[in-house]
Amino acid sequence: MTAPDFTTTLVVNQSAEEAFNAINNPRGWWSEEIEGGTEKLNDEFNYHFEDIHSCKIKLIEVIPNQKVVWLVMENYFKFTTDKTEWTGTTVSFEIAEKDKQTEIRFTHHGLVPEYECFEICRGAWTNYIQNSLGSLIGTGKGLPNAKGTPRTEKEAEFLSEK
């Protein structure tokens, strides 16, 4: 039996359009270390943090104000035995307006507890979605990784142990 993919849900008071626009601005909520297009179908972008994590992502589904899906085409983790754990996985953002609020259901399909990176990735994604993306949607200012800086003390501590 395969364990479920990692999912977290965020509810905001802003419109689906505002949520969609924020999701498509990962420099504003995930990392300033993103290069390439992040908004249109077939856009590709690269993320990297020092020599610890890098990935290449392609937008494979974009439905305005409803859904965005990323395909992780390449991935590298310095801190795992299998350096490519995310390769071939997808990340989806499903957006729905409900009761005058907007719900964003984030799922990293293929990020499962069997992965060595699961605990650190679950913690990081939860923080990025709940805190940083939520802040970007709600206030216009997210909490992305600054260039060359670890995202959280917990991540920095974890990575320094590897």
C-alpha atoms as a PDB file:
ATOM      1  CA  MET A   1       0.000   0.000   0.000  1.00  0.00           C
ATOM      2  CA  THR A   2       1.351   3.395  -0.976  1.00  0.00           C
ATOM      3  CA  ALA A   3       1.201   6.189   1.583  1.00  0.00           C
ATOM      4  CA  PRO A   4      -0.771   9.308   0.660  1.00  0.00           C
ATOM      5  CA  ASP A   5       0.852  12.293  -0.991  1.00  0.00           C
ATOM      6  CA  PHE A   6       1.605  15.362   1.104  1.00  0.00           C
ATOM      7  CA  THR A   7      -1.338  17.794   1.182  1.00  0.00           C
ATOM      8  CA  THR A   8      -2.093  20.975   3.102  1.00  0.00           C
ATOM      9  CA  THR A   9      -5.006  23.375   2.742  1.00  0.00           C
ATOM     10  CA  LEU A  10      -5.006  27.151   3.120  1.00  0.00           C
ATOM     11  CA  VAL A  11      -8.158  29.287   3.407  1.00  0.00           C
ATOM     12  CA  VAL A  12      -7.918  33.030   2.718  1.00  0.00           C
ATOM     13  CA  ASN A  13     -10.378  35.909   2.575  1.00  0.00           C
ATOM     14  CA  GLN A  14      -9.161  37.061  -0.846  1.00  0.00           C
ATOM     15  CA  SER A  15     -10.533  36.088  -4.268  1.00  0.00           C
ATOM     16  CA  ALA A  16      -9.551  33.063  -6.334  1.00  0.00           C
ATOM     17  CA  GLU A  17      -7.906  35.464  -8.774  1.00  0.00           C
ATOM     18  CA  GLU A  18      -5.727  36.967  -6.026  1.00  0.00           C
ATOM     19  CA  ALA A  19      -4.757  33.460  -4.855  1.00  0.00           C
ATOM     20  CA  PHE A  20      -3.987  32.347  -8.427  1.00  0.00           C
ATOM     21  CA  ASN A  21      -1.787  35.404  -9.048  1.00  0.00           C
ATOM     22  CA  ALA A  22       0.120  34.837  -5.800  1.00  0.00           C
ATOM     23  CA  ILE A  23       0.682  31.129  -6.528  1.00  0.00           C
ATOM     24  CA  ASN A  24       2.166  32.092  -9.892  1.00  0.00           C
ATOM     25  CA  ASN A  25       4.650  34.368  -8.124  1.00  0.00           C
ATOM     26  CA  PRO A  26       6.796  31.796  -6.286  1.00  0.00           C
ATOM     27  CA  ARG A  27       9.578  34.399  -5.976  1.00  0.00           C
ATOM     28  CA  GLY A  28       7.207  36.197  -3.646  1.00  0.00           C
ATOM     29  CA  TRP A  29       6.441  33.226  -1.366  1.00  0.00           C
ATOM     30  CA  TRP A  30       8.905  30.337  -2.008  1.00  0.00           C
ATOM     31  CA  SER A  31      12.302  31.694  -2.953  1.00  0.00           C
ATOM     32  CA  GLU A  32      13.995  34.667  -4.522  1.00  0.00           C
ATOM     33  CA  GLU A  33      16.375  32.098  -6.088  1.00  0.00           C
ATOM     34  CA  ILE A  34      13.982  31.279  -8.943  1.00  0.00           C
ATOM     35  CA  GLU A  35      14.948  31.908 -12.552  1.00  0.00           C
ATOM     36  CA  GLY A  36      12.571  31.563 -15.505  1.00  0.00           C
ATOM     37  CA  GLY A  37       8.882  31.849 -16.240  1.00  0.00           C
ATOM     38  CA  THR A  38       6.381  30.897 -13.537  1.00  0.00           C
ATOM     39  CA  GLU A  39       2.977  31.901 -14.917  1.00  0.00           C
ATOM     40  CA  LYS A  40       2.054  30.302 -18.253  1.00  0.00           C
ATOM     41  CA  LEU A  41       1.526  26.760 -19.482  1.00  0.00           C
ATOM     42  CA  ASN A  42       4.888  25.182 -20.412  1.00  0.00           C
ATOM     43  CA  ASP A  43       6.896  27.859 -18.570  1.00  0.00           C
ATOM     44  CA  GLU A  44       9.982  26.376 -16.920  1.00  0.00           C
ATOM     45  CA  PHE A  45      11.881  27.682 -13.945  1.00  0.00           C
ATOM     46  CA  ASN A  46      14.910  26.737 -11.899  1.00  0.00           C
ATOM     47  CA  TYR A  47      15.220  26.933  -8.150  1.00  0.00           C
ATOM     48  CA  HIS A  48      18.410  26.541  -6.188  1.00  0.00           C
ATOM     49  CA  PHE A  49      19.645  27.078  -2.685  1.00  0.00           C
ATOM     50  CA  GLU A  50      23.420  27.064  -2.498  1.00  0.00           C
ATOM     51  CA  ASP A  51      24.593  23.500  -3.245  1.00  0.00           C
ATOM     52  CA  ILE A  52      21.928  21.924  -1.008  1.00  0.00           C
ATOM     53  CA  HIS A  53      18.813  21.846  -3.202  1.00  0.00           C
ATOM     54  CA  SER A  54      18.066  22.587  -6.820  1.00  0.00           C
ATOM     55  CA  CYS A  55      15.218  21.689  -9.124  1.00  0.00           C
ATOM     56  CA  LYS A  56      13.818  22.398 -12.555  1.00  0.00           C
ATOM     57  CA  ILE A  57      10.039  22.769 -12.760  1.00  0.00           C
ATOM     58  CA  LYS A  58       7.618  22.999 -15.683  1.00  0.00           C
ATOM     59  CA  LEU A  59       4.043  24.287 -15.532  1.00  0.00           C
ATOM     60  CA  ILE A  60       1.981  21.475 -17.051  1.00  0.00           C
ATOM     61  CA  GLU A  61      -1.527  22.702 -16.212  1.00  0.00           C
ATOM     62  CA  VAL A  62      -2.717  26.259 -15.748  1.00  0.00           C
ATOM     63  CA  ILE A  63      -6.435  26.999 -15.392  1.00  0.00           C
ATOM     64  CA  PRO A  64      -6.870  30.665 -14.391  1.00  0.00           C
ATOM     65  CA  ASN A  65      -8.241  31.083 -10.869  1.00  0.00           C
ATOM     66  CA  GLN A  66      -8.756  27.296 -10.497  1.00  0.00           C
ATOM     67  CA  LYS A  67      -5.612  25.206 -10.772  1.00  0.00           C
ATOM     68  CA  VAL A  68      -1.852  25.223 -11.314  1.00  0.00           C
ATOM     69  CA  VAL A  69       0.251  22.056 -11.672  1.00  0.00           C
ATOM     70  CA  TRP A  70       4.043  21.871 -11.698  1.00  0.00           C
ATOM     71  CA  LEU A  71       6.115  18.914 -12.901  1.00  0.00           C
ATOM     72  CA  VAL A  72       9.485  18.468 -11.197  1.00  0.00           C
ATOM     73  CA  MET A  73      11.645  17.624 -14.205  1.00  0.00           C
ATOM     74  CA  GLU A  74      14.956  17.483 -12.353  1.00  0.00           C
ATOM     75  CA  ASN A  75      15.834  17.597  -8.675  1.00  0.00           C
ATOM     76  CA  TYR A  76      18.948  17.431  -6.546  1.00  0.00           C
ATOM     77  CA  PHE A  77      19.209  17.173  -2.760  1.00  0.00           C
ATOM     78  CA  LYS A  78      22.645  17.192  -1.166  1.00  0.00           C
ATOM     79  CA  PHE A  79      21.252  15.725   2.063  1.00  0.00           C
ATOM     80  CA  THR A  80      19.578  12.518   0.805  1.00  0.00           C
ATOM     81  CA  THR A  81      20.985   9.193  -0.356  1.00  0.00           C
ATOM     82  CA  ASP A  82      18.787   9.376  -3.472  1.00  0.00           C
ATOM     83  CA  LYS A  83      19.702  12.858  -4.673  1.00  0.00           C
ATOM     84  CA  THR A  84      16.751  12.953  -7.123  1.00  0.00           C
ATOM     85  CA  GLU A  85      13.828  12.130  -4.804  1.00  0.00           C
ATOM     86  CA  TRP A  86      11.409  14.745  -6.221  1.00  0.00           C
ATOM     87  CA  THR A  87      12.180  14.023  -9.893  1.00  0.00           C
ATOM     88  CA  GLY A  88       8.989  13.111 -11.748  1.00  0.00           C
ATOM     89  CA  THR A  89       6.660  14.252  -8.970  1.00  0.00           C
ATOM     90  CA  THR A  90       4.005  16.930  -9.447  1.00  0.00           C
ATOM     91  CA  VAL A  91       2.864  19.809  -7.285  1.00  0.00           C
ATOM     92  CA  SER A  92      -0.727  21.001  -7.598  1.00  0.00           C
ATOM     93  CA  PHE A  93      -2.564  24.035  -6.330  1.00  0.00           C
ATOM     94  CA  GLU A  94      -6.341  23.636  -6.546  1.00  0.00           C
ATOM     95  CA  ILE A  95      -8.266  26.866  -5.956  1.00  0.00           C
ATOM     96  CA  ALA A  96     -11.970  27.081  -5.058  1.00  0.00           C
ATOM     97  CA  GLU A  97     -14.161  29.853  -3.702  1.00  0.00           C
ATOM     98  CA  LYS A  98     -16.309  28.670  -0.790  1.00  0.00           C
ATOM     99  CA  ASP A  99     -18.515  30.739   1.503  1.00  0.00           C
ATOM    100  CA  LYS A 100     -16.937  34.079   0.534  1.00  0.00           C
ATOM    101  CA  GLN A 101     -13.440  32.674   1.080  1.00  0.00           C
ATOM    102  CA  THR A 102     -10.905  30.982  -1.154  1.00  0.00           C
ATOM    103  CA  GLU A 103      -9.497  27.541  -0.421  1.00  0.00           C
ATOM    104  CA  ILE A 104      -6.136  26.497  -1.834  1.00  0.00           C
ATOM    105  CA  ARG A 105      -5.441  22.772  -1.682  1.00  0.00           C
ATOM    106  CA  PHE A 106      -1.711  22.190  -2.125  1.00  0.00           C
ATOM    107  CA  THR A 107      -0.598  18.642  -2.912  1.00  0.00           C
ATOM    108  CA  HIS A 108       2.902  17.424  -3.662  1.00  0.00           C
ATOM    109  CA  HIS A 109       1.996  14.215  -5.515  1.00  0.00           C
ATOM    110  CA  GLY A 110       4.747  11.675  -4.934  1.00  0.00           C
ATOM    111  CA  LEU A 111       6.108  13.276  -1.768  1.00  0.00           C
ATOM    112  CA  VAL A 112       5.453  10.344   0.537  1.00  0.00           C
ATOM    113  CA  PRO A 113       6.712   9.259   3.979  1.00  0.00           C
ATOM    114  CA  GLU A 114       9.012   6.680   2.367  1.00  0.00           C
ATOM    115  CA  TYR A 115      11.140   9.525   1.004  1.00  0.00           C
ATOM    116  CA  GLU A 116      14.198  10.386   3.054  1.00  0.00           C
ATOM    117  CA  CYS A 117      13.408  14.098   2.570  1.00  0.00           C
ATOM    118  CA  PHE A 118       9.767  13.726   3.677  1.00  0.00           C
ATOM    119  CA  GLU A 119      10.009  15.267   7.160  1.00  0.00           C
ATOM    120  CA  ILE A 120      12.047  18.303   6.124  1.00  0.00           C
ATOM    121  CA  CYS A 121       9.998  18.788   2.934  1.00  0.00           C
ATOM    122  CA  ARG A 122       6.681  18.448   4.771  1.00  0.00           C
ATOM    123  CA  GLY A 123       7.769  21.049   7.297  1.00  0.00           C
ATOM    124  CA  ALA A 124       9.106  23.380   4.638  1.00  0.00           C
ATOM    125  CA  TRP A 125       6.058  23.118   2.346  1.00  0.00           C
ATOM    126  CA  THR A 126       3.702  23.626   5.300  1.00  0.00           C
ATOM    127  CA  ASN A 127       5.576  26.785   6.246  1.00  0.00           C
ATOM    128  CA  TYR A 128       5.754  28.098   2.688  1.00  0.00           C
ATOM    129  CA  ILE A 129       2.041  27.499   2.026  1.00  0.00           C
ATOM    130  CA  GLN A 130       0.486  28.338   5.385  1.00  0.00           C
ATOM    131  CA  ASN A 131       2.736  31.260   6.310  1.00  0.00           C
ATOM    132  CA  SER A 132       4.454  32.660   3.253  1.00  0.00           C
ATOM    133  CA  LEU A 133       1.842  32.110   0.513  1.00  0.00           C
ATOM    134  CA  GLY A 134      -0.909  33.001   2.973  1.00  0.00           C
ATOM    135  CA  SER A 135       0.901  36.236   3.801  1.00  0.00           C
ATOM    136  CA  LEU A 136       1.492  37.070   0.139  1.00  0.00           C
ATOM    137  CA  ILE A 137      -2.199  36.593  -0.657  1.00  0.00           C
ATOM    138  CA  GLY A 138      -3.407  38.422   2.454  1.00  0.00           C
ATOM    139  CA  THR A 139      -0.961  41.308   2.697  1.00  0.00           C
ATOM    140  CA  GLY A 140       0.851  41.424  -0.641  1.00  0.00           C
ATOM    141  CA  LYS A 141       4.138  40.452   1.063  1.00  0.00           C
ATOM    142  CA  GLY A 142       5.288  36.854   1.428  1.00  0.00           C
ATOM    143  CA  LEU A 143       8.194  35.363   3.341  1.00  0.00           C
ATOM    144  CA  PRO A 144      10.330  33.735   0.618  1.00  0.00           C
ATOM    145  CA  ASN A 145      13.871  32.454   1.003  1.00  0.00           C
ATOM    146  CA  ALA A 146      16.211  35.361   0.578  1.00  0.00           C
ATOM    147  CA  LYS A 147      19.032  34.715  -1.836  1.00  0.00           C
ATOM    148  CA  GLY A 148      21.661  32.597  -0.112  1.00  0.00           C
ATOM    149  CA  THR A 149      19.875  32.186   3.230  1.00  0.00           C
ATOM    150  CA  PRO A 150      18.299  29.068   4.772  1.00  0.00           C
ATOM    151  CA  ARG A 151      14.506  29.304   5.032  1.00  0.00           C
ATOM    152  CA  THR A 152      14.058  28.504   8.719  1.00  0.00           C
ATOM    153  CA  GLU A 153      16.233  27.736  11.710  1.00  0.00           C
ATOM    154  CA  LYS A 154      14.902  24.157  11.683  1.00  0.00           C
ATOM    155  CA  GLU A 155      15.911  23.675   8.042  1.00  0.00           C
ATOM    156  CA  ALA A 156      19.329  25.234   8.654  1.00  0.00           C
ATOM    157  CA  GLU A 157      19.858  22.962  11.659  1.00  0.00           C
ATOM    158  CA  PHE A 158      18.726  19.868   9.735  1.00  0.00           C
ATOM    159  CA  LEU A 159      20.903  20.670   6.738  1.00  0.00           C
ATOM    160  CA  SER A 160      23.974  21.402   8.866  1.00  0.00           C
ATOM    161  CA  GLU A 161      23.695  17.872  10.314  1.00  0.00           C
ATOM    162  CA  LYS A 162      23.871  16.244   6.843  1.00  0.00           C
END
